[in-house]
Amino acid sequence: MAKFQRHIFICTNQREGGDERGCCKARGGDQVAEAFKSKLFACGFKRIVRPNKAGCLDQCAFGPVVVVYPDNVWYGRVTPADVDEIIERHVVKGEVVERLVIPDDQLTGIAPKA
């Protein structure tokens, strides 16, 4: 089997109620994951672009979170309505959907610049 050209990780993590960060599952992560799977396969990307449900991606404030590798592009507050645009612009045309990007300086785990 050939390597996938891209992996799209969709956070579907669930936290206990009352956590101030919230969780992607409660914000619709499962619906976003299902939308990616069905739309990618319908567009002929099965075995080319792999949508994967993911546990916590540590960007809870921006959920639901989607990260596209190997492009290392992080999208936040993604809804099922955004999936077509991400597929059409990012997957097909190679264009980042800037309005959904989580800025690098707001990502957790980014090392400070020297």
Foldseek 3Di string as FASTA:
>chain_A
DDAAPKEKEWELAQDDPPDPLGGQVVLASVVLLVLLVVVCVVVPCVVHYHYHYDYDPQLSNFHRWMAMPPVRWIFGPDDSVCNVVCCVPCVVVVHDPVVGTDDPVSGPPDDDDD
